[in-house]
């Protein structure tokens, strides 16, 4: 797997994390830190294929994208065609959420729960996982029931925030009837 790195108008295609760090350190505005190097290394080792934004300093990021392209021209040509393929895949995924499939679903949602800190009397958001089994007619209905249940609970602040059904913070598995 190769890496496409872009920082404002500077961009390159590299074949390793070391090459990426060398490119970034050659830029005037970028000071490569150990955290930055670890985050880039972790990204390369993960299975994630989405673009990664890594902070250079406050309000300044560089973008890293995994690719199988061998040259910059190949990467740019692939990008145009992949955009169309991704949009089609998203449409199919959205359609599958509402596809009727009655039965039990195992659902896991990680939402931002508001909790009041007694010492400061301020509200803070905490990532809170919630796991359950739900009988529903589709994945969309499963999501709606889980979020509806959480919103109706007395012990959960109404200011809590919930991810969308497309978010990696919502997972479901069809268990059957």
N, C-alpha and C. Protein backbone atom coordinates (compact mmCIF):
# COMPACT_ATOMS: atom_id res chain seq x y z
N UNK A 1 0.85 -1.18 0.00
CA UNK A 1 0.00 0.00 0.00
C UNK A 1 0.89 1.24 0.00
N UNK A 2 0.56 2.21 -0.83
CA UNK A 2 1.31 3.46 -0.92
C UNK A 2 0.52 4.57 -0.24
N UNK A 3 1.16 5.72 -0.07
CA UNK A 3 0.51 6.85 0.60
C UNK A 3 0.57 8.09 -0.28
N UNK A 4 -0.57 8.73 -0.43
CA UNK A 4 -0.64 10.05 -1.06
C UNK A 4 -0.68 11.03 0.11
N UNK A 5 0.24 12.00 0.10
CA UNK A 5 0.31 13.00 1.17
C UNK A 5 0.10 14.37 0.54
N UNK A 6 -0.77 15.18 1.18
CA UNK A 6 -1.01 16.53 0.69
C UNK A 6 -1.04 17.49 1.87
N UNK A 7 -0.27 18.59 1.72
CA UNK A 7 -0.28 19.67 2.71
C UNK A 7 -0.40 20.96 1.91
N UNK A 8 -1.57 21.57 1.94
CA UNK A 8 -1.91 22.73 1.11
C UNK A 8 -1.60 22.41 -0.35
N UNK A 9 -0.67 23.12 -1.01
CA UNK A 9 -0.37 22.87 -2.42
C UNK A 9 0.73 21.85 -2.64
N UNK A 10 1.37 21.38 -1.58
CA UNK A 10 2.44 20.39 -1.69
C UNK A 10 1.85 18.99 -1.59
N UNK A 11 2.19 18.14 -2.55
CA UNK A 11 1.67 16.79 -2.55
C UNK A 11 2.72 15.83 -3.10
N UNK A 12 2.59 14.58 -2.69
CA UNK A 12 3.51 13.55 -3.17
C UNK A 12 2.86 12.18 -3.01
N UNK A 13 3.43 11.21 -3.71
CA UNK A 13 3.03 9.82 -3.56
C UNK A 13 4.27 9.08 -3.09
N UNK A 14 4.17 8.44 -1.93
CA UNK A 14 5.33 7.76 -1.35
C UNK A 14 4.98 6.29 -1.11
N UNK A 15 6.03 5.51 -0.85
CA UNK A 15 5.87 4.07 -0.72
C UNK A 15 6.06 3.55 0.70
N UNK A 16 6.33 4.48 1.65
CA UNK A 16 6.50 4.06 3.05
C UNK A 16 6.25 5.26 3.96
N UNK A 17 6.07 4.96 5.23
CA UNK A 17 5.88 6.02 6.24
C UNK A 17 7.14 6.87 6.35
N UNK A 18 8.30 6.23 6.26
CA UNK A 18 9.57 6.96 6.37
C UNK A 18 9.69 8.00 5.26
N UNK A 19 9.31 7.62 4.02
CA UNK A 19 9.35 8.57 2.91
C UNK A 19 8.36 9.71 3.14
N UNK A 20 7.20 9.39 3.69
CA UNK A 20 6.20 10.42 3.97
C UNK A 20 6.73 11.41 5.01
N UNK A 21 7.36 10.90 6.06
CA UNK A 21 7.91 11.78 7.09
C UNK A 21 9.06 12.62 6.53
N UNK A 22 9.85 12.03 5.64
CA UNK A 22 10.94 12.79 5.01
C UNK A 22 10.37 13.94 4.16
N UNK A 23 9.30 13.65 3.40
CA UNK A 23 8.65 14.68 2.60
C UNK A 23 8.11 15.79 3.49
N UNK A 24 7.41 15.41 4.56
CA UNK A 24 6.82 16.42 5.46
C UNK A 24 7.90 17.27 6.13
N UNK A 25 9.01 16.64 6.53
CA UNK A 25 10.07 17.41 7.19
C UNK A 25 10.77 18.35 6.22
N UNK A 26 10.65 18.09 4.92
CA UNK A 26 11.27 18.99 3.93
C UNK A 26 10.44 20.26 3.72
N UNK A 27 9.22 20.28 4.21
CA UNK A 27 8.36 21.46 4.06
C UNK A 27 8.68 22.47 5.15
N UNK A 28 8.65 23.76 4.79
CA UNK A 28 9.01 24.82 5.74
C UNK A 28 8.06 24.91 6.93
N UNK A 29 6.76 24.73 6.69
CA UNK A 29 5.75 24.95 7.73
C UNK A 29 5.54 23.76 8.66
N UNK A 30 6.18 22.61 8.36
CA UNK A 30 5.88 21.39 9.09
C UNK A 30 7.05 20.96 9.97
N UNK A 31 6.76 20.77 11.24
CA UNK A 31 7.74 20.19 12.16
C UNK A 31 7.22 18.81 12.53
N UNK A 32 7.90 17.78 12.07
CA UNK A 32 7.45 16.41 12.31
C UNK A 32 7.68 16.05 13.77
N UNK A 33 6.60 15.61 14.42
CA UNK A 33 6.68 15.21 15.83
C UNK A 33 6.57 13.69 15.93
N UNK A 34 6.90 13.19 17.10
CA UNK A 34 6.80 11.75 17.34
C UNK A 34 5.34 11.29 17.28
N UNK A 35 4.42 12.12 17.80
CA UNK A 35 3.00 11.79 17.76
C UNK A 35 2.51 11.69 16.33
N UNK A 36 2.95 12.62 15.49
CA UNK A 36 2.57 12.63 14.09
C UNK A 36 3.06 11.35 13.41
N UNK A 37 4.30 10.97 13.68
CA UNK A 37 4.88 9.76 13.10
C UNK A 37 4.13 8.52 13.56
N UNK A 38 3.79 8.46 14.85
CA UNK A 38 3.07 7.31 15.39
C UNK A 38 1.66 7.22 14.78
N UNK A 39 1.01 8.36 14.62
CA UNK A 39 -0.34 8.38 14.07
C UNK A 39 -0.34 7.92 12.61
N UNK A 40 0.66 8.36 11.86
CA UNK A 40 0.78 7.96 10.46
C UNK A 40 1.09 6.46 10.36
N UNK A 41 1.96 5.96 11.21
CA UNK A 41 2.31 4.54 11.23
C UNK A 41 1.08 3.70 11.59
N UNK A 42 0.32 4.15 12.58
CA UNK A 42 -0.89 3.45 13.00
C UNK A 42 -1.91 3.41 11.85
N UNK A 43 -2.03 4.53 11.14
CA UNK A 43 -2.94 4.60 10.00
C UNK A 43 -2.54 3.61 8.92
N UNK A 44 -1.25 3.50 8.63
CA UNK A 44 -0.79 2.59 7.59
C UNK A 44 -1.05 1.13 7.98
N UNK A 45 -0.94 0.80 9.26
CA UNK A 45 -1.12 -0.57 9.71
C UNK A 45 -2.59 -0.95 9.86
N UNK A 46 -3.47 0.04 9.92
CA UNK A 46 -4.90 -0.24 10.09
C UNK A 46 -5.52 -0.68 8.76
N UNK A 47 -6.73 -1.19 8.85
CA UNK A 47 -7.43 -1.60 7.64
C UNK A 47 -8.27 -0.46 7.06
N UNK A 48 -8.28 0.68 7.71
CA UNK A 48 -9.07 1.83 7.27
C UNK A 48 -8.59 2.33 5.91
N UNK A 49 -9.56 2.61 5.02
CA UNK A 49 -9.22 3.09 3.69
C UNK A 49 -9.67 4.53 3.46
N UNK A 50 -10.24 5.16 4.46
CA UNK A 50 -10.67 6.53 4.32
C UNK A 50 -9.48 7.48 4.51
N UNK A 51 -9.56 8.71 3.99
CA UNK A 51 -8.47 9.67 4.18
C UNK A 51 -8.28 10.00 5.66
N UNK A 52 -7.05 10.23 6.05
CA UNK A 52 -6.71 10.55 7.45
C UNK A 52 -6.17 11.96 7.50
N UNK A 53 -6.71 12.77 8.39
CA UNK A 53 -6.22 14.13 8.62
C UNK A 53 -5.35 14.10 9.87
N UNK A 54 -4.13 14.54 9.74
CA UNK A 54 -3.21 14.54 10.87
C UNK A 54 -2.79 15.98 11.16
N UNK A 55 -2.93 16.36 12.43
CA UNK A 55 -2.68 17.75 12.83
C UNK A 55 -1.20 18.09 12.78
N UNK A 56 -0.90 19.23 12.15
CA UNK A 56 0.45 19.77 12.12
C UNK A 56 0.59 20.77 13.26
N UNK A 57 -0.41 21.64 13.38
CA UNK A 57 -0.53 22.58 14.49
C UNK A 57 -1.99 23.04 14.51
N UNK A 58 -2.35 23.89 15.42
CA UNK A 58 -3.73 24.33 15.55
C UNK A 58 -4.29 24.77 14.19
N UNK A 59 -5.39 24.15 13.79
CA UNK A 59 -6.09 24.46 12.54
C UNK A 59 -5.28 24.19 11.28
N UNK A 60 -4.31 23.34 11.35
CA UNK A 60 -3.49 23.02 10.19
C UNK A 60 -3.25 21.50 10.17
N UNK A 61 -3.64 20.87 9.07
CA UNK A 61 -3.56 19.43 8.95
C UNK A 61 -2.94 19.04 7.61
N UNK A 62 -2.40 17.84 7.55
CA UNK A 62 -2.08 17.27 6.25
C UNK A 62 -2.96 16.05 6.06
N UNK A 63 -3.16 15.67 4.81
CA UNK A 63 -4.03 14.56 4.48
C UNK A 63 -3.19 13.39 4.00
N UNK A 64 -3.50 12.20 4.50
CA UNK A 64 -2.86 10.96 4.05
C UNK A 64 -3.95 10.05 3.50
N UNK A 65 -3.71 9.51 2.30
CA UNK A 65 -4.67 8.60 1.67
C UNK A 65 -3.92 7.35 1.23
N UNK A 66 -4.44 6.19 1.63
CA UNK A 66 -3.84 4.93 1.17
C UNK A 66 -4.26 4.68 -0.28
N UNK A 67 -3.34 4.16 -1.07
CA UNK A 67 -3.65 3.88 -2.46
C UNK A 67 -2.78 2.74 -2.98
N UNK A 68 -3.26 2.10 -4.01
CA UNK A 68 -2.46 1.07 -4.69
C UNK A 68 -1.77 1.65 -5.91
N UNK A 69 -2.02 2.91 -6.20
CA UNK A 69 -1.41 3.57 -7.36
C UNK A 69 0.11 3.61 -7.21
N UNK A 70 0.81 3.45 -8.32
CA UNK A 70 2.27 3.47 -8.32
C UNK A 70 2.84 4.85 -8.66
N UNK A 71 2.05 5.67 -9.37
CA UNK A 71 2.51 7.01 -9.76
C UNK A 71 1.43 8.02 -9.42
N UNK A 72 1.82 9.29 -9.40
CA UNK A 72 0.89 10.37 -9.10
C UNK A 72 -0.20 10.43 -10.18
N UNK A 73 0.17 10.23 -11.45
CA UNK A 73 -0.80 10.27 -12.55
C UNK A 73 -1.84 9.16 -12.39
N UNK A 74 -1.37 7.98 -12.03
CA UNK A 74 -2.27 6.86 -11.82
C UNK A 74 -3.21 7.14 -10.65
N UNK A 75 -2.68 7.74 -9.58
CA UNK A 75 -3.50 8.08 -8.42
C UNK A 75 -4.59 9.07 -8.79
N UNK A 76 -4.23 10.10 -9.54
CA UNK A 76 -5.20 11.13 -9.90
C UNK A 76 -6.24 10.57 -10.87
N UNK A 77 -5.83 9.69 -11.77
CA UNK A 77 -6.78 9.07 -12.70
C UNK A 77 -7.72 8.14 -11.95
N UNK A 78 -7.20 7.38 -11.00
CA UNK A 78 -8.02 6.47 -10.20
C UNK A 78 -9.02 7.24 -9.35
N UNK A 79 -8.58 8.37 -8.82
CA UNK A 79 -9.43 9.16 -7.93
C UNK A 79 -10.72 9.57 -8.60
N UNK A 80 -10.65 9.96 -9.88
CA UNK A 80 -11.85 10.39 -10.59
C UNK A 80 -12.82 9.22 -10.75
N UNK A 81 -12.31 8.05 -11.09
CA UNK A 81 -13.20 6.90 -11.28
C UNK A 81 -13.67 6.34 -9.95
N UNK A 82 -12.83 6.39 -8.90
CA UNK A 82 -13.23 5.87 -7.60
C UNK A 82 -14.35 6.71 -6.99
N UNK A 83 -14.35 8.01 -7.29
CA UNK A 83 -15.42 8.87 -6.77
C UNK A 83 -16.78 8.39 -7.22
N UNK A 84 -16.90 8.01 -8.49
CA UNK A 84 -18.17 7.51 -9.02
C UNK A 84 -18.52 6.17 -8.38
N UNK A 85 -17.53 5.30 -8.22
CA UNK A 85 -17.76 3.99 -7.62
C UNK A 85 -18.20 4.14 -6.16
N UNK A 86 -17.56 5.06 -5.43
CA UNK A 86 -17.91 5.28 -4.02
C UNK A 86 -19.34 5.79 -3.89
N UNK A 87 -19.74 6.71 -4.77
CA UNK A 87 -21.10 7.24 -4.71
C UNK A 87 -22.12 6.13 -4.96
N UNK A 88 -21.82 5.25 -5.93
CA UNK A 88 -22.71 4.14 -6.21
C UNK A 88 -22.78 3.20 -5.00
N UNK A 89 -21.63 2.92 -4.39
CA UNK A 89 -21.59 2.05 -3.22
C UNK A 89 -22.38 2.66 -2.06
N UNK A 90 -22.28 4.00 -1.89
CA UNK A 90 -23.05 4.67 -0.83
C UNK A 90 -24.54 4.55 -1.08
N UNK A 91 -24.96 4.72 -2.34
CA UNK A 91 -26.39 4.59 -2.67
C UNK A 91 -26.89 3.19 -2.35
N UNK A 92 -26.08 2.18 -2.71
CA UNK A 92 -26.47 0.81 -2.44
C UNK A 92 -26.53 0.53 -0.93
N UNK A 93 -25.59 1.10 -0.19
CA UNK A 93 -25.59 0.92 1.27
C UNK A 93 -26.82 1.56 1.89
N UNK A 94 -27.17 2.78 1.44
CA UNK A 94 -28.36 3.45 1.97
C UNK A 94 -29.62 2.66 1.65
N UNK A 95 -29.68 2.09 0.45
CA UNK A 95 -30.85 1.29 0.08
C UNK A 95 -30.92 0.03 0.94
N UNK A 96 -29.77 -0.55 1.28
CA UNK A 96 -29.78 -1.77 2.09
C UNK A 96 -30.25 -1.50 3.51
N UNK A 97 -30.07 -0.27 4.01
CA UNK A 97 -30.52 0.05 5.36
C UNK A 97 -32.04 -0.06 5.47
N UNK A 98 -32.75 0.33 4.41
CA UNK A 98 -34.21 0.32 4.48
C UNK A 98 -34.82 -0.94 3.85
N UNK A 99 -33.97 -1.85 3.36
CA UNK A 99 -34.46 -3.11 2.78
C UNK A 99 -35.20 -3.93 3.84
N UNK A 100 -36.44 -4.32 3.54
CA UNK A 100 -37.20 -5.10 4.54
C UNK A 100 -36.53 -6.45 4.82
N UNK A 101 -36.22 -6.66 6.07
CA UNK A 101 -35.65 -7.93 6.52
C UNK A 101 -36.03 -8.09 7.99
N UNK A 102 -37.27 -8.52 8.25
CA UNK A 102 -37.72 -8.62 9.63
C UNK A 102 -36.94 -9.67 10.41
N UNK A 103 -36.67 -9.33 11.65
CA UNK A 103 -35.97 -10.26 12.52
C UNK A 103 -35.23 -9.54 13.63
N UNK A 104 -34.36 -10.29 14.30
CA UNK A 104 -33.57 -9.74 15.39
C UNK A 104 -32.28 -9.13 14.85
N UNK A 105 -31.92 -7.99 15.41
CA UNK A 105 -30.69 -7.30 15.06
C UNK A 105 -29.87 -7.08 16.33
N UNK A 106 -28.58 -7.33 16.24
CA UNK A 106 -27.67 -6.95 17.33
C UNK A 106 -27.15 -5.56 16.96
N UNK A 107 -27.34 -4.61 17.84
CA UNK A 107 -26.95 -3.23 17.55
C UNK A 107 -25.97 -2.72 18.60
N UNK A 108 -25.01 -1.93 18.13
CA UNK A 108 -24.08 -1.26 19.03
C UNK A 108 -23.95 0.17 18.56
N UNK A 109 -24.18 1.09 19.47
CA UNK A 109 -24.07 2.52 19.15
C UNK A 109 -23.17 3.17 20.19
N UNK A 110 -22.27 4.00 19.75
CA UNK A 110 -21.44 4.79 20.66
C UNK A 110 -21.85 6.24 20.46
N UNK A 111 -22.47 6.81 21.48
CA UNK A 111 -22.98 8.18 21.36
C UNK A 111 -22.29 9.10 22.36
N UNK A 112 -22.42 10.40 22.12
CA UNK A 112 -21.85 11.42 23.00
C UNK A 112 -22.88 11.73 24.08
N UNK A 113 -22.61 11.20 25.27
CA UNK A 113 -23.54 11.39 26.39
C UNK A 113 -23.12 12.59 27.20
N UNK A 114 -24.08 13.43 27.50
CA UNK A 114 -23.83 14.62 28.32
C UNK A 114 -23.95 14.23 29.79
N UNK A 115 -22.90 14.51 30.55
CA UNK A 115 -22.93 14.29 31.99
C UNK A 115 -22.52 15.58 32.68
N UNK A 116 -23.22 15.90 33.75
CA UNK A 116 -22.92 17.09 34.53
C UNK A 116 -21.83 16.76 35.52
N UNK A 117 -20.77 17.57 35.55
CA UNK A 117 -19.67 17.39 36.50
C UNK A 117 -20.03 18.22 37.74
N UNK A 118 -20.29 17.54 38.86
CA UNK A 118 -20.78 18.25 40.06
C UNK A 118 -19.84 19.34 40.57
N UNK A 119 -18.53 19.09 40.50
CA UNK A 119 -17.58 20.09 41.03
C UNK A 119 -17.61 21.40 40.26
N UNK A 120 -17.77 21.31 38.96
CA UNK A 120 -17.72 22.52 38.12
C UNK A 120 -19.09 22.99 37.65
N UNK A 121 -20.11 22.13 37.83
CA UNK A 121 -21.46 22.41 37.35
C UNK A 121 -21.48 22.64 35.83
N UNK A 122 -20.55 22.00 35.13
CA UNK A 122 -20.50 22.10 33.67
C UNK A 122 -20.81 20.74 33.07
N UNK A 123 -21.37 20.78 31.87
CA UNK A 123 -21.70 19.54 31.17
C UNK A 123 -20.53 19.14 30.28
N UNK A 124 -20.22 17.85 30.25
CA UNK A 124 -19.16 17.31 29.40
C UNK A 124 -19.73 16.16 28.58
N UNK A 125 -19.17 15.98 27.40
CA UNK A 125 -19.59 14.91 26.51
C UNK A 125 -18.64 13.73 26.67
N UNK A 126 -19.18 12.54 26.86
CA UNK A 126 -18.39 11.33 27.00
C UNK A 126 -18.88 10.30 25.99
N UNK A 127 -17.94 9.61 25.33
CA UNK A 127 -18.32 8.52 24.44
C UNK A 127 -18.89 7.40 25.29
N UNK A 128 -20.10 7.00 24.97
CA UNK A 128 -20.80 5.98 25.75
C UNK A 128 -21.31 4.89 24.82
N UNK A 129 -20.83 3.67 24.98
CA UNK A 129 -21.34 2.58 24.15
C UNK A 129 -22.66 2.04 24.70
N UNK A 130 -23.52 1.60 23.80
CA UNK A 130 -24.79 0.99 24.18
C UNK A 130 -25.00 -0.19 23.24
N UNK A 131 -25.21 -1.38 23.82
CA UNK A 131 -25.37 -2.61 23.04
C UNK A 131 -26.72 -3.23 23.38
N UNK A 132 -27.42 -3.71 22.34
CA UNK A 132 -28.71 -4.34 22.58
C UNK A 132 -29.10 -5.23 21.41
N UNK A 133 -30.17 -5.99 21.63
CA UNK A 133 -30.79 -6.77 20.56
C UNK A 133 -32.18 -6.17 20.34
N UNK A 134 -32.54 -6.00 19.07
CA UNK A 134 -33.79 -5.32 18.72
C UNK A 134 -34.51 -6.13 17.66
N UNK A 135 -35.81 -6.28 17.83
CA UNK A 135 -36.63 -6.88 16.78
C UNK A 135 -37.12 -5.72 15.91
N UNK A 136 -36.80 -5.77 14.62
CA UNK A 136 -37.28 -4.72 13.71
C UNK A 136 -37.39 -5.27 12.30
N UNK A 137 -37.94 -4.45 11.43
CA UNK A 137 -38.18 -4.87 10.05
C UNK A 137 -37.06 -4.52 9.09
N UNK A 138 -36.11 -3.67 9.53
CA UNK A 138 -34.98 -3.27 8.68
C UNK A 138 -33.88 -2.69 9.56
N UNK A 139 -32.72 -2.49 8.97
CA UNK A 139 -31.61 -1.87 9.71
C UNK A 139 -31.96 -0.44 10.09
N UNK A 140 -32.67 0.27 9.21
CA UNK A 140 -33.07 1.65 9.50
C UNK A 140 -34.01 1.70 10.70
N UNK A 141 -34.96 0.78 10.74
CA UNK A 141 -35.89 0.74 11.87
C UNK A 141 -35.14 0.37 13.15
N UNK A 142 -34.17 -0.54 13.04
CA UNK A 142 -33.34 -0.91 14.19
C UNK A 142 -32.65 0.34 14.75
N UNK A 143 -32.01 1.10 13.87
CA UNK A 143 -31.33 2.33 14.28
C UNK A 143 -32.32 3.29 14.95
N UNK A 144 -33.47 3.50 14.32
CA UNK A 144 -34.47 4.42 14.86
C UNK A 144 -34.96 3.99 16.23
N UNK A 145 -35.14 2.69 16.43
CA UNK A 145 -35.60 2.19 17.72
C UNK A 145 -34.55 2.37 18.82
N UNK A 146 -33.29 2.12 18.47
CA UNK A 146 -32.21 2.27 19.46
C UNK A 146 -32.10 3.73 19.87
N UNK A 147 -32.03 4.63 18.90
CA UNK A 147 -31.90 6.06 19.21
C UNK A 147 -33.16 6.55 19.94
N UNK A 148 -34.33 6.11 19.51
CA UNK A 148 -35.58 6.50 20.18
C UNK A 148 -35.60 6.06 21.63
N UNK A 149 -35.12 4.83 21.87
CA UNK A 149 -35.06 4.33 23.25
C UNK A 149 -34.13 5.19 24.11
N UNK A 150 -32.95 5.50 23.56
CA UNK A 150 -31.99 6.29 24.33
C UNK A 150 -32.51 7.70 24.60
N UNK A 151 -33.19 8.28 23.62
CA UNK A 151 -33.73 9.63 23.81
C UNK A 151 -34.86 9.66 24.83
N UNK A 152 -35.57 8.55 24.98
CA UNK A 152 -36.71 8.53 25.91
C UNK A 152 -36.30 8.21 27.35
N UNK A 153 -35.06 7.79 27.56
CA UNK A 153 -34.63 7.43 28.91
C UNK A 153 -34.46 8.67 29.78
N UNK A 154 -34.91 8.58 31.02
CA UNK A 154 -34.84 9.69 31.96
C UNK A 154 -33.41 9.99 32.40
N UNK A 155 -32.55 8.96 32.40
CA UNK A 155 -31.19 9.15 32.90
C UNK A 155 -30.22 9.67 31.83
N UNK A 156 -30.69 9.92 30.62
CA UNK A 156 -29.83 10.44 29.55
C UNK A 156 -30.27 11.85 29.21
N UNK A 157 -29.33 12.78 29.30
CA UNK A 157 -29.58 14.19 29.04
C UNK A 157 -30.03 14.38 27.59
N UNK A 158 -31.05 15.21 27.35
CA UNK A 158 -31.52 15.42 25.97
C UNK A 158 -30.49 16.10 25.06
N UNK A 159 -29.43 16.66 25.64
CA UNK A 159 -28.39 17.29 24.82
C UNK A 159 -27.39 16.28 24.26
N UNK A 160 -27.54 15.01 24.65
CA UNK A 160 -26.64 13.98 24.14
C UNK A 160 -26.75 13.91 22.62
N UNK A 161 -25.66 13.49 21.97
CA UNK A 161 -25.61 13.47 20.51
C UNK A 161 -25.46 12.04 20.02
N UNK A 162 -26.15 11.73 18.91
CA UNK A 162 -26.16 10.37 18.38
C UNK A 162 -25.56 10.36 16.97
N UNK A 163 -24.79 9.32 16.65
CA UNK A 163 -24.20 9.24 15.31
C UNK A 163 -25.27 8.90 14.28
N UNK A 164 -24.95 9.13 13.01
CA UNK A 164 -25.87 8.73 11.95
C UNK A 164 -25.77 7.23 11.74
N UNK A 165 -26.69 6.69 10.99
CA UNK A 165 -26.68 5.26 10.71
C UNK A 165 -25.45 4.87 9.89
N UNK A 166 -24.89 5.82 9.12
CA UNK A 166 -23.73 5.55 8.28
C UNK A 166 -22.41 5.64 9.04
N UNK A 167 -22.46 6.12 10.26
CA UNK A 167 -21.25 6.32 11.05
C UNK A 167 -20.64 5.00 11.50
N UNK A 168 -19.31 4.98 11.66
CA UNK A 168 -18.69 3.78 12.23
C UNK A 168 -19.05 3.59 13.71
N UNK A 169 -19.70 4.60 14.31
CA UNK A 169 -20.13 4.50 15.70
C UNK A 169 -21.49 3.81 15.84
N UNK A 170 -22.05 3.36 14.73
CA UNK A 170 -23.25 2.54 14.78
C UNK A 170 -22.98 1.27 13.98
N UNK A 171 -23.12 0.14 14.65
CA UNK A 171 -22.91 -1.15 14.00
C UNK A 171 -24.13 -2.02 14.25
N UNK A 172 -24.46 -2.82 13.26
CA UNK A 172 -25.56 -3.76 13.45
C UNK A 172 -25.26 -5.06 12.73
N UNK A 173 -25.91 -6.10 13.19
CA UNK A 173 -25.78 -7.41 12.56
C UNK A 173 -27.13 -8.07 12.59
N UNK A 174 -27.55 -8.55 11.43
CA UNK A 174 -28.82 -9.27 11.33
C UNK A 174 -28.65 -10.66 11.92
N UNK A 175 -29.44 -11.01 12.92
CA UNK A 175 -29.32 -12.29 13.61
C UNK A 175 -30.30 -13.35 13.10
N UNK A 176 -31.30 -12.93 12.38
CA UNK A 176 -32.31 -13.86 11.88
C UNK A 176 -33.61 -13.71 12.64
N UNK A 177 -34.57 -14.54 12.29
CA UNK A 177 -35.90 -14.43 12.91
C UNK A 177 -36.01 -15.22 14.16
